[in-house]
């Protein structure tokens, strides 16, 4: 299992456009990818669960990735939040 933290960089927060990018990215990997925000957990394959996090700019999210391709998946998700 890979654990990392990312910070929501977008002024509008983690909204639909960014959620779609996350879901499309997750589809490329077999690993399970979860985002954690406080006591809320989102499966990155679900747009609804990502939006339900209500993550605003500056929010720290924990990324938990587990599976055969977890290293690549974690790195790719992290890159989405950097640029």
N, C-alpha and C. Protein backbone atom coordinates (compact mmCIF):
# COMPACT_ATOMS: atom_id res chain seq x y z
N UNK A 1 0.85 -1.18 0.00
CA UNK A 1 0.00 0.00 0.00
C UNK A 1 0.89 1.24 0.00
N UNK A 2 0.53 2.19 -0.84
CA UNK A 2 1.24 3.47 -0.91
C UNK A 2 0.35 4.55 -0.31
N UNK A 3 0.93 5.36 0.56
CA UNK A 3 0.22 6.48 1.16
C UNK A 3 0.97 7.76 0.82
N UNK A 4 0.24 8.77 0.45
CA UNK A 4 0.83 10.06 0.18
C UNK A 4 -0.21 11.13 0.50
N UNK A 5 0.23 12.36 0.57
CA UNK A 5 -0.69 13.48 0.81
C UNK A 5 -0.55 14.47 -0.34
N UNK A 6 -1.68 15.05 -0.71
CA UNK A 6 -1.71 16.09 -1.74
C UNK A 6 -2.53 17.24 -1.21
N UNK A 7 -2.33 18.40 -1.78
CA UNK A 7 -3.09 19.59 -1.40
C UNK A 7 -3.87 20.06 -2.63
N UNK A 8 -5.14 20.35 -2.44
CA UNK A 8 -5.99 20.82 -3.54
C UNK A 8 -5.49 22.20 -3.97
N UNK A 9 -4.98 22.33 -5.21
CA UNK A 9 -4.38 23.59 -5.65
C UNK A 9 -5.32 24.53 -6.40
N UNK A 10 -6.51 24.06 -6.73
CA UNK A 10 -7.37 24.82 -7.63
C UNK A 10 -8.27 25.80 -6.86
N UNK A 11 -8.35 27.05 -7.33
CA UNK A 11 -9.16 28.06 -6.63
C UNK A 11 -10.62 27.64 -6.45
N UNK A 12 -11.14 26.87 -7.39
CA UNK A 12 -12.53 26.43 -7.30
C UNK A 12 -12.69 25.12 -6.52
N UNK A 13 -11.59 24.60 -6.00
CA UNK A 13 -11.62 23.36 -5.22
C UNK A 13 -11.66 22.14 -6.12
N UNK A 14 -11.92 21.01 -5.53
CA UNK A 14 -11.98 19.75 -6.26
C UNK A 14 -13.41 19.58 -6.76
N UNK A 15 -13.66 20.11 -7.96
CA UNK A 15 -15.02 20.08 -8.50
C UNK A 15 -15.10 19.10 -9.67
N UNK A 16 -16.16 19.15 -10.42
CA UNK A 16 -16.48 18.16 -11.44
C UNK A 16 -15.37 17.96 -12.47
N UNK A 17 -14.82 19.03 -13.01
CA UNK A 17 -13.80 18.90 -14.05
C UNK A 17 -12.60 18.11 -13.55
N UNK A 18 -12.15 18.40 -12.35
CA UNK A 18 -11.00 17.71 -11.79
C UNK A 18 -11.38 16.28 -11.37
N UNK A 19 -12.60 16.09 -10.92
CA UNK A 19 -13.07 14.76 -10.56
C UNK A 19 -13.08 13.84 -11.78
N UNK A 20 -13.49 14.37 -12.92
CA UNK A 20 -13.50 13.58 -14.16
C UNK A 20 -12.07 13.16 -14.52
N UNK A 21 -11.12 14.07 -14.40
CA UNK A 21 -9.72 13.73 -14.68
C UNK A 21 -9.23 12.62 -13.76
N UNK A 22 -9.61 12.69 -12.48
CA UNK A 22 -9.21 11.65 -11.53
C UNK A 22 -9.81 10.30 -11.90
N UNK A 23 -11.08 10.28 -12.25
CA UNK A 23 -11.76 9.03 -12.61
C UNK A 23 -11.12 8.42 -13.86
N UNK A 24 -10.85 9.25 -14.86
CA UNK A 24 -10.21 8.75 -16.09
C UNK A 24 -8.82 8.22 -15.80
N UNK A 25 -8.11 8.88 -14.92
CA UNK A 25 -6.77 8.41 -14.54
C UNK A 25 -6.86 7.08 -13.81
N UNK A 26 -7.79 6.96 -12.88
CA UNK A 26 -7.94 5.72 -12.11
C UNK A 26 -8.28 4.54 -13.01
N UNK A 27 -9.00 4.79 -14.08
CA UNK A 27 -9.40 3.72 -15.00
C UNK A 27 -8.19 3.08 -15.69
N UNK A 28 -7.08 3.78 -15.73
CA UNK A 28 -5.87 3.25 -16.38
C UNK A 28 -5.14 2.25 -15.51
N UNK A 29 -5.51 2.14 -14.24
CA UNK A 29 -4.80 1.30 -13.29
C UNK A 29 -5.72 0.25 -12.69
N UNK A 30 -5.12 -0.85 -12.23
CA UNK A 30 -5.88 -1.90 -11.57
C UNK A 30 -6.00 -1.65 -10.07
N UNK A 31 -5.10 -0.86 -9.53
CA UNK A 31 -5.07 -0.62 -8.09
C UNK A 31 -6.33 0.11 -7.61
N UNK A 32 -6.63 -0.09 -6.34
CA UNK A 32 -7.70 0.66 -5.68
C UNK A 32 -7.10 1.98 -5.21
N UNK A 33 -7.76 3.08 -5.55
CA UNK A 33 -7.27 4.41 -5.19
C UNK A 33 -8.34 5.11 -4.37
N UNK A 34 -7.97 5.51 -3.16
CA UNK A 34 -8.90 6.20 -2.27
C UNK A 34 -8.35 7.58 -1.92
N UNK A 35 -9.25 8.54 -1.80
CA UNK A 35 -8.91 9.87 -1.28
C UNK A 35 -9.59 10.00 0.07
N UNK A 36 -8.85 10.49 1.05
CA UNK A 36 -9.40 10.68 2.39
C UNK A 36 -9.31 12.15 2.77
N UNK A 37 -10.43 12.68 3.25
CA UNK A 37 -10.51 14.07 3.68
C UNK A 37 -11.22 14.07 5.03
N UNK A 38 -10.42 14.13 6.08
CA UNK A 38 -11.02 14.02 7.42
C UNK A 38 -11.59 12.64 7.60
N UNK A 39 -12.89 12.56 7.92
CA UNK A 39 -13.53 11.26 8.10
C UNK A 39 -14.25 10.78 6.84
N UNK A 40 -14.12 11.54 5.75
CA UNK A 40 -14.77 11.15 4.49
C UNK A 40 -13.76 10.43 3.59
N UNK A 41 -14.23 9.39 2.90
CA UNK A 41 -13.39 8.61 2.01
C UNK A 41 -14.06 8.53 0.65
N UNK A 42 -13.28 8.74 -0.40
CA UNK A 42 -13.81 8.66 -1.76
C UNK A 42 -13.04 7.64 -2.58
N UNK A 43 -13.78 6.79 -3.29
CA UNK A 43 -13.17 5.90 -4.27
C UNK A 43 -12.95 6.75 -5.52
N UNK A 44 -11.73 6.77 -6.03
CA UNK A 44 -11.41 7.65 -7.16
C UNK A 44 -12.07 7.19 -8.45
N UNK A 45 -12.70 6.04 -8.46
CA UNK A 45 -13.44 5.60 -9.64
C UNK A 45 -14.88 6.13 -9.63
N UNK A 46 -15.25 6.88 -8.60
CA UNK A 46 -16.61 7.40 -8.45
C UNK A 46 -16.62 8.93 -8.38
N UNK A 47 -17.17 9.54 -9.40
CA UNK A 47 -17.25 11.01 -9.44
C UNK A 47 -18.05 11.53 -8.25
N UNK A 48 -19.16 10.86 -7.94
CA UNK A 48 -20.02 11.31 -6.84
C UNK A 48 -19.25 11.32 -5.52
N UNK A 49 -18.48 10.26 -5.26
CA UNK A 49 -17.77 10.21 -3.97
C UNK A 49 -16.67 11.26 -3.91
N UNK A 50 -16.06 11.58 -5.05
CA UNK A 50 -15.02 12.62 -5.07
C UNK A 50 -15.64 13.98 -4.77
N UNK A 51 -16.74 14.28 -5.44
CA UNK A 51 -17.43 15.56 -5.23
C UNK A 51 -17.92 15.68 -3.77
N UNK A 52 -18.35 14.54 -3.20
CA UNK A 52 -18.88 14.54 -1.82
C UNK A 52 -17.81 14.88 -0.78
N UNK A 53 -16.54 14.84 -1.16
CA UNK A 53 -15.49 15.24 -0.23
C UNK A 53 -15.57 16.73 0.10
N UNK A 54 -16.12 17.52 -0.83
CA UNK A 54 -16.25 18.98 -0.65
C UNK A 54 -14.88 19.61 -0.34
N UNK A 55 -13.85 19.17 -1.05
CA UNK A 55 -12.50 19.65 -0.81
C UNK A 55 -12.29 21.01 -1.49
N UNK A 56 -11.97 22.01 -0.71
CA UNK A 56 -11.73 23.35 -1.22
C UNK A 56 -10.22 23.59 -1.39
N UNK A 57 -9.87 24.71 -1.98
CA UNK A 57 -8.46 25.03 -2.18
C UNK A 57 -7.72 24.98 -0.83
N UNK A 58 -6.55 24.36 -0.86
CA UNK A 58 -5.75 24.27 0.34
C UNK A 58 -6.04 23.06 1.22
N UNK A 59 -7.07 22.29 0.88
CA UNK A 59 -7.42 21.10 1.65
C UNK A 59 -6.37 20.01 1.43
N UNK A 60 -5.91 19.40 2.50
CA UNK A 60 -4.98 18.28 2.39
C UNK A 60 -5.77 16.99 2.29
N UNK A 61 -5.45 16.21 1.26
CA UNK A 61 -6.09 14.92 1.04
C UNK A 61 -5.05 13.82 1.18
N UNK A 62 -5.42 12.73 1.81
CA UNK A 62 -4.57 11.56 1.86
C UNK A 62 -4.93 10.67 0.69
N UNK A 63 -3.92 10.20 -0.02
CA UNK A 63 -4.13 9.29 -1.14
C UNK A 63 -3.63 7.91 -0.71
N UNK A 64 -4.50 6.93 -0.76
CA UNK A 64 -4.15 5.56 -0.40
C UNK A 64 -4.34 4.68 -1.64
N UNK A 65 -3.25 4.05 -2.08
CA UNK A 65 -3.30 3.22 -3.28
C UNK A 65 -2.81 1.83 -2.93
N UNK A 66 -3.58 0.82 -3.33
CA UNK A 66 -3.15 -0.55 -3.08
C UNK A 66 -3.47 -1.42 -4.30
N UNK A 67 -2.48 -2.21 -4.69
CA UNK A 67 -2.65 -3.10 -5.84
C UNK A 67 -1.33 -3.32 -6.55
N UNK A 68 -1.39 -4.07 -7.63
CA UNK A 68 -0.19 -4.45 -8.36
C UNK A 68 0.58 -3.27 -8.95
N UNK A 69 -0.13 -2.25 -9.38
CA UNK A 69 0.51 -1.09 -10.01
C UNK A 69 0.41 0.16 -9.14
N UNK A 70 0.45 -0.05 -7.83
CA UNK A 70 0.23 1.05 -6.88
C UNK A 70 1.25 2.17 -6.99
N UNK A 71 2.50 1.85 -7.25
CA UNK A 71 3.53 2.91 -7.32
C UNK A 71 3.24 3.86 -8.48
N UNK A 72 2.95 3.30 -9.65
CA UNK A 72 2.65 4.13 -10.82
C UNK A 72 1.34 4.91 -10.62
N UNK A 73 0.35 4.25 -10.06
CA UNK A 73 -0.95 4.90 -9.84
C UNK A 73 -0.81 6.06 -8.86
N UNK A 74 -0.10 5.85 -7.77
CA UNK A 74 0.08 6.91 -6.78
C UNK A 74 0.82 8.10 -7.37
N UNK A 75 1.86 7.83 -8.12
CA UNK A 75 2.64 8.90 -8.74
C UNK A 75 1.79 9.69 -9.74
N UNK A 76 0.98 9.00 -10.53
CA UNK A 76 0.14 9.66 -11.53
C UNK A 76 -0.92 10.54 -10.88
N UNK A 77 -1.55 10.03 -9.83
CA UNK A 77 -2.57 10.82 -9.12
C UNK A 77 -1.92 12.05 -8.48
N UNK A 78 -0.76 11.85 -7.89
CA UNK A 78 -0.06 12.97 -7.27
C UNK A 78 0.26 14.06 -8.29
N UNK A 79 0.64 13.67 -9.49
CA UNK A 79 0.97 14.62 -10.55
C UNK A 79 -0.25 15.46 -10.95
N UNK A 80 -1.44 14.88 -10.87
CA UNK A 80 -2.65 15.64 -11.20
C UNK A 80 -2.84 16.84 -10.27
N UNK A 81 -2.41 16.69 -9.04
CA UNK A 81 -2.56 17.76 -8.06
C UNK A 81 -1.41 18.78 -8.13
N UNK A 82 -0.34 18.43 -8.82
CA UNK A 82 0.80 19.34 -8.94
C UNK A 82 0.73 20.23 -10.18
N UNK A 83 0.04 19.79 -11.18
CA UNK A 83 0.08 20.59 -12.38
C UNK A 83 -1.10 20.38 -13.19
